[in-house]
Amino acid sequence: MPDLRDGESVEIKGSASRPYTVKNVAGVYSCSCPAWRNQSLPIERRTCKHIRSYRGDTAEESRLGGTLSKVPVRTTPKTPPLLLAESWDGELDPTGWHLSEKLDGVRAYWDGRRFLSRQGNCYHAPAWFTKGLPLVPLDGELWIGRKLFQRTVSVVRRHDQTSLWEEVRFLVFDAPGEDCPFEERLKVIDLIMGLNRPPYALAHQHELCEGIDHLQQRLRQIESQGGEGLMLRQPGSFYEARRSNTLLKVKTFKDAEAIVVGHDSGSGRHKGRLGALLVELGNGVRFNIGTGFSDKERQKPPPIGSTVTFKYQELTDGGVPRFPSYVRTHRDQSTDQTSLPLTLFQGEPTMAQTAVKKRRFEFVEGSSDKFWELGISGTDVEIRYGRNGTQGQSLTKSFVDEESATKHADKLIREKTGKGYVEVAA
């Protein structure tokens, strides 16, 4: 049978009730089956029986550069000293911070001679692509375009230095080797780009944030164009090789529901309990949810056939939610809640927000105009906070018993009222 052209896919019947999808993206073959997804190899080195049955063993051996049984020896690489972002809490005033688009690409650290991933793996870029890059470190993103994350990964993780790298650009947003404030480091980047003129590298654009309204307007604009979100960089801040609140990410997560169709067992610290839920959307798309669970929920996971709510960032080209995170299980119109990621909360209130009686506190003074709400549902304490007039952000914490939850709630209320918050009608 003919091989798949770039971007084509085919359905292969497997052991599951629904067929698996085999796809070719820039010469990287993928399969939707668990055997392909759960391999620890780089994506360009993976194969499975469904890919082999379609392409044949000879074609797969040629693509992988050896026999199918040969597994390359993997060593633990040294990770680069990267600055990692925290999430914007919705309360911090971003006025005067440096604002830029959060790129939906692959984080890359240029160490002066090669690109390294966050985990320290090398991206094998052709020499013509790295021409003009300096002998000093640069921090940036390998990027093709909005909503092209999968294609970017497929290109940059190849080892054959293909001409497909012509689609990629290295967008530089920091200079880690310069011991000076962020504004000075931006000038260094502009100087490098002006003198060296690297053909495939650009300085990432920043602007000064004029306030929360400006931030929200830019976020809506970027997301409407298919962008992932925004980044905030504190003025005058230095580069730190750790997760720091001088760099904040701002993005919106969506939520949806799915039916639990299976349980994947965990490994490591989760051995003997749930590793991930196998769930199915209403359109038949299946995927795993492996994050967002408490230890208690991993010990007694949502049963097969139950409906769960999860949060995700966006859909892949194949309709699979990216970065899905478990939120709760629907049982007799009640909810079992767990911690939510700190992201902007938009849209109508969820069931958890309307079913629990809440106490609301507000702080209005000078330029501050914000609220803080707290509610208790059994052993769960949920808070929601942000600027008045917005939905704000939601965060839930679970406790072993109701007494512990009540004590924690009382402590939080004392802290807020001590900071000048005044209780109002919820």
Protein backbone atom coordinates (compact mmCIF):
# COMPACT_ATOMS: atom_id res chain seq x y z
CA MET A 1 0.00 0.00 0.00
CA PRO A 2 1.23 3.61 -0.58
CA ASP A 3 3.06 5.34 2.25
CA LEU A 4 1.57 8.34 4.04
CA ARG A 5 2.47 11.76 2.69
CA ASP A 6 3.33 14.62 5.08
CA GLY A 7 0.18 15.49 7.06
CA GLU A 8 -1.78 12.40 6.01
CA SER A 9 -3.27 9.90 8.47
CA VAL A 10 -4.94 6.51 8.32
CA GLU A 11 -7.04 4.45 10.74
CA ILE A 12 -5.72 1.00 11.70
CA LYS A 13 -7.87 -1.61 13.45
CA GLY A 14 -6.36 -2.73 16.75
CA SER A 15 -7.45 -4.54 19.88
CA ALA A 16 -9.65 -1.66 21.06
CA SER A 17 -13.23 -1.12 19.96
CA ARG A 18 -12.23 1.95 17.95
CA PRO A 19 -9.42 2.02 15.36
CA TYR A 20 -6.12 3.76 16.08
CA THR A 21 -4.88 6.69 13.99
CA VAL A 22 -1.44 6.53 12.37
CA LYS A 23 -0.16 9.90 11.15
CA ASN A 24 2.90 11.29 9.36
CA VAL A 25 3.97 14.80 10.36
CA ALA A 26 7.24 15.96 8.77
CA GLY A 27 8.49 12.39 8.56
CA VAL A 28 7.66 11.54 12.18
CA TYR A 29 5.14 8.71 12.39
CA SER A 30 2.81 8.63 15.38
CA CYS A 31 0.00 6.38 16.54
CA SER A 32 -2.86 7.06 18.96
CA CYS A 33 -2.38 3.67 20.64
CA PRO A 34 -1.11 3.49 24.27
CA ALA A 35 1.95 1.47 23.20
CA TRP A 36 3.23 4.38 21.09
CA ARG A 37 2.21 7.14 23.55
CA ASN A 38 3.79 5.57 26.63
CA GLN A 39 7.27 4.96 25.23
CA SER A 40 10.12 6.88 26.84
CA LEU A 41 11.93 7.31 23.51
CA PRO A 42 12.00 10.57 21.51
CA ILE A 43 8.97 10.75 19.22
CA GLU A 44 11.06 10.32 16.06
CA ARG A 45 12.44 7.02 17.46
CA ARG A 46 9.10 5.46 18.36
CA THR A 47 7.19 2.81 16.45
CA CYS A 48 4.45 0.28 17.18
CA LYS A 49 2.77 -2.73 15.61
CA HIS A 50 0.15 -0.56 13.91
CA ILE A 51 2.76 1.61 12.16
CA ARG A 52 4.74 -1.51 11.22
CA SER A 53 1.65 -3.27 9.88
CA TYR A 54 0.93 -0.31 7.58
CA ARG A 55 4.48 0.61 6.48
CA GLY A 56 6.17 -2.76 6.82
CA ASP A 57 9.16 -3.77 8.96
CA THR A 58 11.70 -2.93 6.26
CA ALA A 59 10.46 0.66 5.90
CA GLU A 60 10.41 1.14 9.67
CA GLU A 61 13.92 -0.29 10.08
CA SER A 62 15.16 2.11 7.41
CA ARG A 63 13.44 5.08 9.08
CA LEU A 64 14.80 4.22 12.54
CA GLY A 65 18.26 3.36 11.28
CA GLY A 66 18.47 -0.21 12.61
CA THR A 67 16.58 -3.28 13.68
CA LEU A 68 13.28 -2.73 15.43
CA SER A 69 14.44 -4.63 18.51
CA LYS A 70 17.43 -2.36 19.05
CA VAL A 71 16.83 0.20 21.80
CA PRO A 72 19.32 3.09 22.06
CA VAL A 73 21.18 3.54 25.32
CA ARG A 74 19.81 6.58 27.13
CA THR A 75 21.83 8.73 29.49
CA THR A 76 20.61 11.47 31.78
CA PRO A 77 21.64 14.81 30.21
CA LYS A 78 22.60 17.90 32.19
CA THR A 79 19.72 20.38 32.26
CA PRO A 80 20.42 24.00 31.26
CA PRO A 81 20.11 26.79 33.88
CA LEU A 82 16.70 28.09 32.81
CA LEU A 83 14.45 30.73 34.33
CA LEU A 84 10.98 29.19 34.75
CA ALA A 85 7.70 31.08 35.14
CA GLU A 86 5.08 31.16 37.86
CA SER A 87 1.39 31.86 37.10
CA TRP A 88 -0.12 35.32 37.41
CA ASP A 89 -2.48 35.33 40.41
CA GLY A 90 -4.96 37.85 39.03
CA GLU A 91 -4.27 40.32 41.85
CA LEU A 92 -0.75 41.61 41.16
CA ASP A 93 -0.81 44.93 39.31
CA PRO A 94 1.07 44.33 36.02
CA THR A 95 1.49 48.04 35.23
CA GLY A 96 5.03 48.71 34.04
CA TRP A 97 5.89 45.03 33.55
CA HIS A 98 7.21 43.87 30.18
CA LEU A 99 4.48 42.11 28.20
CA SER A 100 5.02 39.59 25.39
CA GLU A 101 3.18 36.78 23.66
CA LYS A 102 3.58 33.31 25.17
CA LEU A 103 4.82 31.33 22.21
CA ASP A 104 3.33 27.96 21.38
CA GLY A 105 6.65 26.43 20.40
CA VAL A 106 9.57 24.51 21.90
CA ARG A 107 11.69 26.12 24.64
CA ALA A 108 15.32 26.14 23.54
CA TYR A 109 18.50 27.23 25.34
CA TRP A 110 21.36 28.20 23.00
CA ASP A 111 24.54 27.49 24.99
CA GLY A 112 26.85 29.11 22.44
CA ARG A 113 27.18 26.09 20.16
CA ARG A 114 23.94 24.06 20.25
CA PHE A 115 20.26 24.13 21.24
CA LEU A 116 19.25 22.31 24.44
CA SER A 117 15.78 21.41 25.67
CA ARG A 118 14.55 22.00 29.23
CA GLN A 119 15.63 18.43 30.00
CA GLY A 120 19.09 18.96 28.49
CA ASN A 121 18.50 17.05 25.25
CA CYS A 122 20.12 18.39 22.10
CA TYR A 123 18.11 19.70 19.15
CA HIS A 124 20.09 18.83 16.01
CA ALA A 125 19.73 22.07 14.06
CA PRO A 126 21.61 22.36 10.73
CA ALA A 127 24.70 24.59 10.63
CA TRP A 128 22.99 26.94 8.21
CA PHE A 129 20.18 27.44 10.75
CA THR A 130 22.55 28.39 13.62
CA LYS A 131 24.72 30.67 11.44
CA GLY A 132 25.15 34.07 13.09
CA LEU A 133 24.19 32.95 16.59
CA PRO A 134 26.72 34.17 19.19
CA LEU A 135 29.11 32.15 21.38
CA VAL A 136 27.15 33.30 24.45
CA PRO A 137 23.90 31.83 25.87
CA LEU A 138 20.49 32.88 24.56
CA ASP A 139 17.08 31.81 25.87
CA GLY A 140 14.18 31.54 23.46
CA GLU A 141 11.67 29.45 21.58
CA LEU A 142 11.90 27.39 18.41
CA TRP A 143 8.65 28.39 16.73
CA ILE A 144 6.86 27.88 13.43
CA GLY A 145 3.57 29.64 14.08
CA ARG A 146 0.44 29.73 16.18
CA LYS A 147 -1.38 26.40 16.54
CA LEU A 148 1.61 24.61 14.98
CA PHE A 149 3.11 23.17 18.15
CA GLN A 150 2.88 19.58 16.93
CA ARG A 151 4.63 20.35 13.67
CA THR A 152 7.34 22.30 15.49
CA VAL A 153 8.03 19.34 17.77
CA SER A 154 8.09 16.97 14.79
CA VAL A 155 10.71 19.08 13.00
CA VAL A 156 13.08 20.05 15.81
CA ARG A 157 13.23 16.59 17.42
CA ARG A 158 14.50 14.94 14.25
CA HIS A 159 18.17 13.94 14.06
CA ASP A 160 18.70 14.19 10.29
CA GLN A 161 19.04 18.02 10.11
CA THR A 162 16.34 18.15 7.46
CA SER A 163 15.51 21.15 5.28
CA LEU A 164 12.21 21.35 7.19
CA TRP A 165 14.12 23.56 9.65
CA GLU A 166 13.56 26.35 7.12
CA GLU A 167 10.05 26.65 8.57
CA VAL A 168 11.40 27.32 12.09
CA ARG A 169 12.49 30.58 13.71
CA PHE A 170 14.43 31.01 16.95
CA LEU A 171 12.68 33.83 18.83
CA VAL A 172 15.03 35.13 21.53
CA PHE A 173 13.54 36.62 24.71
CA ASP A 174 16.48 36.65 27.14
CA ALA A 175 20.27 36.60 27.46
CA PRO A 176 21.07 34.41 30.51
CA GLY A 177 24.79 35.14 30.52
CA GLU A 178 24.38 38.89 31.11
CA ASP A 179 24.40 39.88 34.80
CA CYS A 180 22.26 42.99 34.42
CA PRO A 181 18.58 44.05 34.59
CA PHE A 182 16.13 42.74 32.02
CA GLU A 183 15.99 46.01 30.10
CA GLU A 184 19.76 45.89 29.53
CA ARG A 185 19.58 42.26 28.43
CA LEU A 186 16.99 43.22 25.80
CA LYS A 187 19.47 45.77 24.45
CA VAL A 188 22.15 43.06 24.27
CA ILE A 189 19.78 40.87 22.23
CA ASP A 190 19.04 43.74 19.84
CA LEU A 191 22.79 44.40 19.48
CA ILE A 192 23.49 40.73 18.67
CA MET A 193 20.72 40.64 16.08
CA GLY A 194 21.93 43.87 14.51
CA LEU A 195 25.60 42.87 14.29
CA ASN A 196 25.38 39.14 13.53
CA ARG A 197 22.14 39.15 11.52
CA PRO A 198 21.36 35.44 12.09
CA PRO A 199 19.02 34.44 9.22
CA TYR A 200 16.70 32.30 11.35
CA ALA A 201 16.73 34.16 14.67
CA LEU A 202 14.73 37.19 15.81
CA ALA A 203 14.36 39.20 19.00
CA HIS A 204 10.97 38.50 20.55
CA GLN A 205 8.85 41.63 20.86
CA HIS A 206 8.01 43.14 24.26
CA GLU A 207 5.84 46.09 25.27
CA LEU A 208 5.17 47.82 28.59
CA CYS A 209 1.90 46.78 30.21
CA GLU A 210 -0.39 49.73 30.95
CA GLY A 211 -2.50 47.89 33.53
CA ILE A 212 -4.92 45.01 33.97
CA ASP A 213 -7.36 46.30 31.34
CA HIS A 214 -4.50 46.44 28.83
CA LEU A 215 -3.41 42.93 29.86
CA GLN A 216 -6.91 41.50 29.42
CA GLN A 217 -7.35 43.23 26.06
CA ARG A 218 -4.03 41.88 24.74
CA LEU A 219 -4.86 38.39 26.07
CA ARG A 220 -8.19 38.34 24.23
CA GLN A 221 -6.48 39.59 21.08
CA ILE A 222 -3.70 36.98 21.16
CA GLU A 223 -6.08 34.11 21.95
CA SER A 224 -8.52 35.16 19.21
CA GLN A 225 -5.61 34.86 16.77
CA GLY A 226 -4.78 31.36 17.96
CA GLY A 227 -2.02 32.34 20.41
CA GLU A 228 -1.38 30.53 23.69
CA GLY A 229 -1.31 33.46 26.13
CA LEU A 230 0.97 36.15 27.53
CA MET A 231 4.16 36.47 29.59
CA LEU A 232 4.95 39.19 32.15
CA ARG A 233 8.54 40.10 33.05
CA GLN A 234 9.25 42.24 36.12
CA PRO A 235 11.11 45.47 35.30
CA GLY A 236 14.68 45.58 36.57
CA SER A 237 14.74 41.84 37.32
CA PHE A 238 17.79 39.62 36.88
CA TYR A 239 17.98 36.19 35.25
CA GLU A 240 17.60 33.38 37.81
CA ALA A 241 18.18 29.70 37.06
CA ARG A 242 15.03 28.60 38.90
CA ARG A 243 11.27 29.10 38.97
CA SER A 244 10.71 32.75 39.84
CA ASN A 245 7.79 35.13 40.35
CA THR A 246 9.69 37.74 38.32
CA LEU A 247 8.39 35.88 35.26
CA LEU A 248 4.64 35.18 35.10
CA LYS A 249 2.51 33.34 32.56
CA VAL A 250 -1.02 34.47 31.78
CA LYS A 251 -3.35 32.19 29.86
CA THR A 252 -6.91 30.91 29.80
CA PHE A 253 -7.84 27.29 30.35
CA LYS A 254 -11.06 25.85 28.97
CA ASP A 255 -13.06 23.07 30.61
CA ALA A 256 -15.02 20.13 29.24
CA GLU A 257 -16.49 16.77 30.24
CA ALA A 258 -15.57 13.22 29.27
CA ILE A 259 -16.58 9.64 30.10
CA VAL A 260 -14.10 7.39 31.94
CA VAL A 261 -13.46 4.26 29.84
CA GLY A 262 -10.36 2.85 31.54
CA HIS A 263 -7.65 3.13 34.20
CA ASP A 264 -3.89 3.10 33.54
CA SER A 265 -1.83 1.85 36.48
CA GLY A 266 0.79 4.18 37.91
CA SER A 267 4.54 3.77 38.28
CA GLY A 268 7.14 5.22 40.61
CA ARG A 269 5.48 6.96 43.55
CA HIS A 270 2.09 6.09 42.05
CA LYS A 271 2.80 2.37 41.75
CA GLY A 272 -0.19 0.34 42.90
CA ARG A 273 -2.71 3.11 42.25
CA LEU A 274 -4.04 5.25 39.40
CA GLY A 275 -1.53 6.61 36.92
CA ALA A 276 -3.97 8.12 34.44
CA LEU A 277 -7.60 8.00 33.39
CA LEU A 278 -8.47 6.88 29.86
CA VAL A 279 -11.44 9.03 28.86
CA GLU A 280 -13.61 9.56 25.81
CA LEU A 281 -15.22 12.72 24.46
CA GLY A 282 -18.68 12.82 22.95
CA ASN A 283 -17.17 12.69 19.45
CA GLY A 284 -15.29 9.48 20.23
CA VAL A 285 -11.82 10.99 20.74
CA ARG A 286 -9.91 9.16 23.48
CA PHE A 287 -6.96 10.40 25.54
CA ASN A 288 -5.35 10.14 28.97
CA ILE A 289 -5.68 12.52 31.94
CA GLY A 290 -2.72 12.02 34.26
CA THR A 291 -2.58 15.17 36.39
CA GLY A 292 -4.79 17.03 38.85
CA PHE A 293 -5.49 14.06 41.16
CA SER A 294 -4.99 13.98 44.91
CA ASP A 295 -3.41 10.90 46.49
CA LYS A 296 -6.86 9.93 47.78
CA GLU A 297 -8.33 10.12 44.28
CA ARG A 298 -5.49 8.06 42.84
CA GLN A 299 -6.18 5.40 45.47
CA LYS A 300 -9.91 5.37 44.64
CA PRO A 301 -10.23 6.79 41.10
CA PRO A 302 -13.44 7.76 39.31
CA PRO A 303 -15.19 4.57 38.21
CA ILE A 304 -15.51 3.47 34.60
CA GLY A 305 -18.64 4.97 33.11
CA SER A 306 -18.54 8.10 35.30
CA THR A 307 -18.40 11.63 33.90
CA VAL A 308 -15.42 13.81 34.80
CA THR A 309 -14.73 17.49 34.25
CA PHE A 310 -11.22 18.41 33.12
CA LYS A 311 -9.40 21.57 32.12
CA TYR A 312 -7.27 21.90 29.02
CA GLN A 313 -5.48 24.57 27.06
CA GLU A 314 -6.53 23.91 23.46
CA LEU A 315 -7.23 21.09 20.99
CA THR A 316 -4.53 19.50 18.85
CA ASP A 317 -5.01 19.09 15.11
CA GLY A 318 -6.49 15.67 15.86
CA GLY A 319 -9.02 17.09 18.33
CA VAL A 320 -7.19 15.87 21.45
CA PRO A 321 -7.12 18.30 24.42
CA ARG A 322 -3.63 19.61 25.24
CA PHE A 323 -2.45 19.58 28.87
CA PRO A 324 -5.64 18.04 30.29
CA SER A 325 -5.95 18.25 34.08
CA TYR A 326 -8.59 16.50 36.19
CA VAL A 327 -11.02 18.77 38.07
CA ARG A 328 -13.83 16.66 39.53
CA THR A 329 -16.18 13.70 39.09
CA HIS A 330 -19.95 14.09 38.73
CA ARG A 331 -21.76 11.87 41.21
CA ASP A 332 -25.48 12.46 41.85
CA GLN A 333 -25.17 16.19 41.00
CA SER A 334 -22.38 16.68 43.58
CA THR A 335 -18.72 17.22 42.90
CA ASP A 336 -15.42 15.87 44.14
CA GLN A 337 -12.99 18.73 43.77
CA THR A 338 -9.23 18.86 43.55
CA SER A 339 -6.63 21.56 43.01
CA LEU A 340 -6.99 23.64 39.86
CA PRO A 341 -4.08 25.24 38.02
CA LEU A 342 -3.67 28.95 38.72
CA THR A 343 -5.02 30.32 35.43
CA LEU A 344 -7.41 33.01 34.38
CA PHE A 345 -11.00 31.83 34.97
CA GLN A 346 -13.47 32.89 32.30
CA GLY A 347 -17.03 31.92 31.42
CA GLU A 348 -20.02 31.01 33.55
CA PRO A 349 -19.50 29.76 37.15
CA THR A 350 -19.07 25.99 37.42
CA MET A 351 -21.34 23.72 39.47
CA ALA A 352 -18.77 23.80 42.26
CA GLN A 353 -19.02 27.57 42.40
CA THR A 354 -22.81 27.73 42.52
CA ALA A 355 -23.59 24.76 44.77
CA VAL A 356 -21.47 25.85 47.74
CA LYS A 357 -22.52 28.64 50.09
CA LYS A 358 -19.78 31.23 50.07
CA ARG A 359 -18.57 34.19 52.10
CA ARG A 360 -17.35 37.17 50.11
CA PHE A 361 -14.81 39.81 51.15
CA GLU A 362 -13.72 42.91 49.25
CA PHE A 363 -10.79 45.30 49.42
CA VAL A 364 -11.36 48.69 47.79
CA GLU A 365 -8.68 51.27 48.47
CA GLY A 366 -6.73 53.56 46.15
CA SER A 367 -6.12 51.67 42.90
CA SER A 368 -7.09 48.33 44.52
CA ASP A 369 -10.57 47.00 43.77
CA LYS A 370 -10.58 43.25 44.38
CA PHE A 371 -12.61 40.45 45.97
CA TRP A 372 -11.93 37.18 47.78
CA GLU A 373 -14.53 34.43 48.27
CA LEU A 374 -14.40 31.26 50.36
CA GLY A 375 -16.69 28.25 50.52
CA ILE A 376 -16.58 24.87 52.26
CA SER A 377 -18.00 21.69 50.74
CA GLY A 378 -17.39 18.73 53.04
CA THR A 379 -13.62 18.35 53.26
CA ASP A 380 -12.91 20.81 50.42
CA VAL A 381 -12.13 24.51 50.82
CA GLU A 382 -12.57 26.56 47.66
CA ILE A 383 -11.39 30.12 47.21
CA ARG A 384 -12.01 32.47 44.30
CA TYR A 385 -10.32 35.83 43.95
CA GLY A 386 -9.56 38.62 41.50
CA ARG A 387 -10.65 42.09 40.50
CA ASN A 388 -14.24 43.14 41.14
CA GLY A 389 -16.32 42.76 38.01
CA THR A 390 -14.42 39.65 36.82
CA GLN A 391 -14.88 35.93 37.44
CA GLY A 392 -11.34 35.80 38.87
CA GLN A 393 -9.51 32.57 39.55
CA SER A 394 -10.58 29.45 41.42
CA LEU A 395 -8.47 27.19 43.63
CA THR A 396 -9.57 24.22 45.77
CA LYS A 397 -7.74 22.39 48.57
CA SER A 398 -8.86 19.07 50.07
CA PHE A 399 -8.42 17.92 53.68
CA VAL A 400 -8.68 14.62 55.52
CA ASP A 401 -11.77 15.67 57.50
CA GLU A 402 -14.31 18.51 57.79
CA GLU A 403 -12.79 19.83 61.02
CA SER A 404 -9.43 20.40 59.33
CA ALA A 405 -11.16 22.11 56.40
CA THR A 406 -13.07 24.44 58.77
CA LYS A 407 -9.91 25.36 60.70
CA HIS A 408 -8.09 26.17 57.49
CA ALA A 409 -11.00 28.32 56.29
CA ASP A 410 -11.10 30.26 59.60
CA LYS A 411 -7.36 30.87 59.35
CA LEU A 412 -7.68 32.24 55.80
CA ILE A 413 -10.53 34.55 56.81
CA ARG A 414 -8.51 35.95 59.73
CA GLU A 415 -5.59 36.62 57.40
CA LYS A 416 -7.74 38.44 54.86
CA THR A 417 -9.60 40.58 57.37
CA GLY A 418 -6.25 41.43 58.94
CA LYS A 419 -5.18 42.81 55.56
CA GLY A 420 -8.21 45.09 55.37
CA TYR A 421 -10.73 42.95 53.49
CA VAL A 422 -14.35 43.64 54.51
CA GLU A 423 -17.10 41.01 54.32
CA VAL A 424 -19.99 41.81 52.00
CA ALA A 425 -23.09 39.91 50.85
CA ALA A 426 -22.06 36.96 48.69
